[in-house]
N, C-alpha and C. Protein backbone atom coordinates (compact mmCIF):
# COMPACT_ATOMS: atom_id res chain seq x y z
N GLN A 1 0.83 -1.37 -0.11
CA GLN A 1 -0.11 -0.16 -0.12
C GLN A 1 0.89 1.29 0.05
N ARG A 2 0.67 2.31 -0.87
CA ARG A 2 1.51 3.36 -1.15
C ARG A 2 0.83 4.39 -0.20
N SER A 3 1.65 5.30 0.34
CA SER A 3 1.34 6.34 1.31
C SER A 3 1.35 7.54 0.49
N ALA A 4 0.65 8.74 0.89
CA ALA A 4 0.42 9.67 -0.07
C ALA A 4 1.50 11.08 0.44
N GLU A 5 2.57 10.59 1.02
CA GLU A 5 3.48 11.49 1.55
C GLU A 5 4.55 11.99 0.54
N ALA A 6 5.33 12.89 0.89
CA ALA A 6 6.46 13.51 -0.02
C ALA A 6 7.25 12.32 -0.53
N VAL A 7 7.71 12.65 -1.83
CA VAL A 7 8.68 11.58 -2.25
C VAL A 7 10.10 11.60 -1.57
N PRO A 8 10.54 10.26 -1.04
CA PRO A 8 11.60 10.05 -0.08
C PRO A 8 12.87 10.67 -0.97
N GLU A 9 13.76 10.81 -0.33
CA GLU A 9 15.21 11.62 -0.95
C GLU A 9 16.04 10.23 -1.10
N GLN A 10 16.04 9.27 -0.38
CA GLN A 10 16.68 7.79 -0.54
C GLN A 10 16.05 6.46 -0.31
N TRP A 11 16.62 5.49 -0.81
CA TRP A 11 15.99 4.19 -0.45
C TRP A 11 16.22 4.03 0.95
N ALA A 12 14.94 3.50 1.57
CA ALA A 12 15.06 2.93 2.89
C ALA A 12 14.26 1.68 3.08
N LEU A 13 14.63 0.75 4.08
CA LEU A 13 14.00 -0.38 4.53
C LEU A 13 13.72 -0.17 5.99
N GLU A 14 12.50 0.23 6.62
CA GLU A 14 12.34 0.56 7.97
C GLU A 14 12.39 -0.82 8.62
N GLN A 15 12.60 -0.76 10.19
CA GLN A 15 12.45 -2.04 10.97
C GLN A 15 11.00 -2.37 11.01
N ASN A 16 10.69 -3.73 10.78
CA ASN A 16 9.43 -4.19 10.80
C ASN A 16 8.80 -3.85 12.27
N TYR A 17 7.44 -3.63 12.37
CA TYR A 17 6.74 -3.42 13.49
C TYR A 17 5.54 -4.23 13.72
N PRO A 18 5.23 -4.73 14.70
CA PRO A 18 6.14 -5.10 15.74
C PRO A 18 7.37 -6.02 15.65
N ASN A 19 8.38 -5.75 16.30
CA ASN A 19 9.54 -6.72 16.26
C ASN A 19 10.07 -6.85 17.84
N PRO A 20 9.99 -7.95 18.30
CA PRO A 20 9.65 -9.23 17.87
C PRO A 20 8.00 -9.15 17.71
N PHE A 21 7.60 -10.06 16.78
CA PHE A 21 6.17 -10.30 16.34
C PHE A 21 5.83 -11.89 16.58
N ASN A 22 4.39 -12.14 16.77
CA ASN A 22 4.01 -13.45 16.88
C ASN A 22 3.00 -14.00 15.82
N SER A 23 2.38 -12.84 15.25
CA SER A 23 1.44 -13.33 14.23
C SER A 23 1.65 -12.61 12.70
N GLU A 24 1.55 -11.14 12.79
CA GLU A 24 1.79 -10.43 11.78
C GLU A 24 2.41 -9.20 12.06
N THR A 25 3.14 -8.70 11.03
CA THR A 25 4.19 -7.73 11.10
C THR A 25 4.04 -6.74 9.93
N GLY A 26 4.35 -5.43 10.17
CA GLY A 26 4.28 -4.58 9.13
C GLY A 26 5.77 -4.07 8.48
N ILE A 27 5.85 -4.08 7.19
CA ILE A 27 7.28 -3.93 6.79
C ILE A 27 7.18 -2.56 5.81
N ALA A 28 7.72 -1.42 6.27
CA ALA A 28 7.72 -0.22 5.47
C ALA A 28 8.99 0.03 4.78
N PHE A 29 8.81 0.52 3.55
CA PHE A 29 10.02 0.93 2.85
C PHE A 29 9.64 2.21 2.08
N ALA A 30 10.81 2.78 1.57
CA ALA A 30 10.72 4.10 0.85
C ALA A 30 11.58 3.92 -0.53
N VAL A 31 10.92 4.62 -1.66
CA VAL A 31 11.54 4.39 -2.93
C VAL A 31 11.61 5.56 -3.45
N PRO A 32 12.67 6.19 -3.87
CA PRO A 32 13.03 7.84 -4.30
C PRO A 32 12.71 7.94 -5.70
N GLN A 33 12.49 6.75 -6.36
CA GLN A 33 12.29 6.94 -7.80
C GLN A 33 11.61 5.69 -8.34
N ALA A 34 10.85 5.85 -9.51
CA ALA A 34 10.24 4.60 -10.02
C ALA A 34 11.24 3.36 -10.40
N ASP A 35 10.97 2.21 -10.00
CA ASP A 35 11.76 1.28 -10.19
C ASP A 35 11.10 -0.13 -9.93
N ARG A 36 11.73 -1.42 -10.08
CA ARG A 36 11.31 -2.55 -9.92
C ARG A 36 11.62 -2.96 -8.55
N VAL A 37 10.78 -3.49 -7.80
CA VAL A 37 11.15 -3.77 -6.34
C VAL A 37 10.80 -5.30 -6.05
N THR A 38 11.88 -6.04 -5.33
CA THR A 38 11.51 -7.36 -4.95
C THR A 38 11.66 -7.34 -3.39
N LEU A 39 10.77 -7.85 -2.80
CA LEU A 39 10.80 -7.73 -1.23
C LEU A 39 10.72 -9.40 -0.68
N LYS A 40 11.84 -9.87 -0.17
CA LYS A 40 11.55 -11.31 0.24
C LYS A 40 12.07 -11.49 1.62
N ILE A 41 11.68 -12.64 2.18
CA ILE A 41 12.01 -13.03 3.67
C ILE A 41 12.85 -14.29 3.56
N TYR A 42 14.03 -14.19 4.27
CA TYR A 42 14.84 -15.43 4.45
C TYR A 42 15.03 -15.86 5.87
N ASP A 43 15.28 -17.20 5.93
CA ASP A 43 15.59 -17.63 7.34
C ASP A 43 16.97 -17.23 7.79
N ILE A 44 17.51 -17.39 8.83
CA ILE A 44 18.87 -17.05 9.20
C ILE A 44 19.90 -17.93 8.57
N HIS A 45 19.57 -18.97 7.94
CA HIS A 45 20.52 -19.82 7.07
C HIS A 45 20.64 -19.37 5.53
N GLY A 46 19.77 -18.53 5.16
CA GLY A 46 19.80 -17.85 3.76
C GLY A 46 18.74 -18.48 3.04
N SER A 47 17.94 -19.23 3.37
CA SER A 47 17.01 -20.02 2.51
C SER A 47 15.72 -19.32 2.57
N GLU A 48 15.15 -18.89 1.35
CA GLU A 48 14.02 -18.12 1.11
C GLU A 48 12.88 -18.64 1.85
N VAL A 49 12.02 -17.97 2.37
CA VAL A 49 10.91 -18.51 3.08
C VAL A 49 9.53 -17.76 2.45
N ALA A 50 9.66 -16.60 2.15
CA ALA A 50 8.68 -15.95 1.53
C ALA A 50 9.02 -14.75 0.48
N THR A 51 7.98 -14.49 -0.60
CA THR A 51 8.10 -13.67 -1.63
C THR A 51 7.18 -12.68 -1.28
N LEU A 52 7.33 -11.50 -0.90
CA LEU A 52 6.19 -10.64 -0.60
C LEU A 52 5.90 -9.75 -1.90
N MET A 53 7.17 -9.30 -2.69
CA MET A 53 6.87 -8.55 -3.98
C MET A 53 7.82 -9.20 -4.83
N GLN A 54 7.75 -9.60 -6.15
CA GLN A 54 8.66 -9.92 -7.14
C GLN A 54 8.65 -9.08 -8.27
N GLU A 55 9.91 -8.24 -8.48
CA GLU A 55 9.92 -7.58 -9.54
C GLU A 55 8.78 -6.44 -9.87
N VAL A 56 8.15 -6.00 -8.77
CA VAL A 56 6.88 -5.26 -9.04
C VAL A 56 7.40 -3.77 -9.32
N PRO A 57 6.77 -3.25 -10.45
CA PRO A 57 7.02 -1.77 -10.80
C PRO A 57 6.43 -1.07 -9.87
N VAL A 58 7.09 -0.15 -9.08
CA VAL A 58 6.67 0.88 -8.27
C VAL A 58 6.83 2.31 -8.63
N ALA A 59 6.23 3.25 -8.22
CA ALA A 59 6.35 4.65 -8.27
C ALA A 59 7.06 5.11 -7.07
N ALA A 60 7.74 6.33 -7.15
CA ALA A 60 8.45 6.69 -5.99
C ALA A 60 7.49 7.13 -4.84
N GLY A 61 7.80 6.74 -3.65
CA GLY A 61 6.90 6.83 -2.58
C GLY A 61 7.32 6.13 -1.35
N ARG A 62 6.37 6.05 -0.33
CA ARG A 62 6.59 5.22 0.79
C ARG A 62 5.51 4.12 0.65
N TYR A 63 5.95 2.90 0.98
CA TYR A 63 4.86 1.76 1.06
C TYR A 63 4.95 0.92 2.15
N GLN A 64 3.97 0.23 2.32
CA GLN A 64 3.67 -0.71 3.74
C GLN A 64 3.15 -2.01 3.25
N VAL A 65 3.71 -3.12 3.62
CA VAL A 65 3.46 -4.38 3.42
C VAL A 65 3.10 -5.28 4.68
N ARG A 66 2.05 -5.97 4.75
CA ARG A 66 1.72 -6.82 6.04
C ARG A 66 2.18 -8.22 5.63
N TRP A 67 2.93 -8.80 6.68
CA TRP A 67 3.28 -10.33 6.51
C TRP A 67 2.84 -11.12 7.78
N ASN A 68 2.02 -12.28 7.29
CA ASN A 68 1.69 -13.23 8.25
C ASN A 68 2.30 -14.59 8.08
N PRO A 69 3.38 -14.83 8.61
CA PRO A 69 3.99 -16.12 8.45
C PRO A 69 3.36 -17.53 9.37
N THR A 70 2.32 -17.80 8.78
CA THR A 70 1.45 -18.76 9.50
C THR A 70 2.19 -20.07 9.66
N LYS A 71 3.24 -20.70 8.80
CA LYS A 71 3.71 -21.95 8.95
C LYS A 71 5.11 -21.96 9.32
N LEU A 72 5.75 -20.92 9.82
CA LEU A 72 7.04 -20.69 10.04
C LEU A 72 7.28 -20.95 11.72
N ALA A 73 8.39 -21.20 11.95
CA ALA A 73 8.90 -21.63 13.43
C ALA A 73 9.49 -20.18 14.03
N SER A 74 9.40 -20.22 15.53
CA SER A 74 10.04 -19.06 15.94
C SER A 74 11.51 -19.04 15.56
N GLY A 75 12.08 -17.84 15.51
CA GLY A 75 13.53 -17.77 15.06
C GLY A 75 13.88 -16.32 14.58
N ALA A 76 14.97 -16.07 13.99
CA ALA A 76 15.37 -14.86 13.39
C ALA A 76 15.07 -15.07 11.84
N TYR A 77 14.70 -13.82 11.24
CA TYR A 77 14.41 -14.03 9.78
C TYR A 77 15.10 -12.60 9.30
N LEU A 78 15.40 -12.44 8.00
CA LEU A 78 15.83 -11.36 7.30
C LEU A 78 14.93 -11.00 6.23
N CYS A 79 14.73 -9.55 6.08
CA CYS A 79 13.67 -8.98 5.19
C CYS A 79 14.80 -8.48 4.12
N VAL A 80 14.56 -8.61 3.08
CA VAL A 80 15.44 -7.88 1.98
C VAL A 80 14.75 -7.42 0.82
N LEU A 81 15.07 -6.05 0.82
CA LEU A 81 14.56 -5.20 -0.30
C LEU A 81 15.46 -5.01 -1.41
N GLN A 82 15.27 -5.48 -2.59
CA GLN A 82 16.30 -5.34 -3.78
C GLN A 82 15.62 -4.71 -4.87
N THR A 83 16.36 -3.96 -5.43
CA THR A 83 16.01 -3.20 -6.85
C THR A 83 17.23 -3.42 -7.56
N PRO A 84 17.28 -2.82 -9.04
CA PRO A 84 18.33 -3.37 -9.81
C PRO A 84 19.66 -2.55 -9.45
N SER A 85 19.29 -1.42 -8.50
CA SER A 85 20.48 -0.69 -8.23
C SER A 85 21.05 -0.78 -6.51
N SER A 86 20.23 -1.46 -5.81
CA SER A 86 20.22 -1.27 -4.28
C SER A 86 19.79 -2.74 -3.75
N ARG A 87 20.21 -2.89 -2.63
CA ARG A 87 19.90 -4.07 -1.72
C ARG A 87 19.93 -3.54 -0.32
N LEU A 88 18.88 -3.71 0.69
CA LEU A 88 18.84 -3.44 2.02
C LEU A 88 18.28 -4.62 2.61
N LEU A 89 18.62 -4.78 3.91
CA LEU A 89 18.09 -5.85 4.76
C LEU A 89 17.79 -5.28 6.28
N ARG A 90 16.96 -6.09 6.79
CA ARG A 90 16.59 -6.01 8.19
C ARG A 90 16.43 -7.33 8.95
N LYS A 91 16.88 -7.18 10.05
CA LYS A 91 16.56 -8.50 10.92
C LYS A 91 15.19 -8.65 11.53
N MET A 92 14.54 -9.61 11.56
CA MET A 92 13.32 -9.68 12.22
C MET A 92 13.32 -10.98 13.11
N VAL A 93 12.53 -11.04 14.32
CA VAL A 93 12.19 -11.80 15.23
C VAL A 93 10.95 -12.50 15.29
N LEU A 94 10.69 -13.63 14.94
CA LEU A 94 9.26 -14.37 15.07
C LEU A 94 9.25 -15.07 16.45
N LEU A 95 8.39 -14.89 17.32
CA LEU A 95 8.04 -15.54 18.59
C LEU A 95 6.73 -16.29 18.52
N ARG A 96 6.53 -17.59 18.60
CA ARG A 96 5.42 -18.14 18.55
C ARG A 96 4.86 -18.47 20.11
């Protein structure tokens, strides 16, 4: 979901909220220019566990994505935001 705020000046992947989380969490990111965005979740061993966005064309702005990992165990996960020109990541903790 895109926000109606001013166009951000740089790429950003904010810390998910809440963190730690036990059912659903929000992941916010900022895009300073139109680009193709991939947003994926990996377990701590580097295995992909979820794809939230795959090469999705987005306009400049701020976005919020909800994630509900129904079948994953407690532990640390990495959220990775990738574009053709950048890659950002944040650590998240799932507690059941």
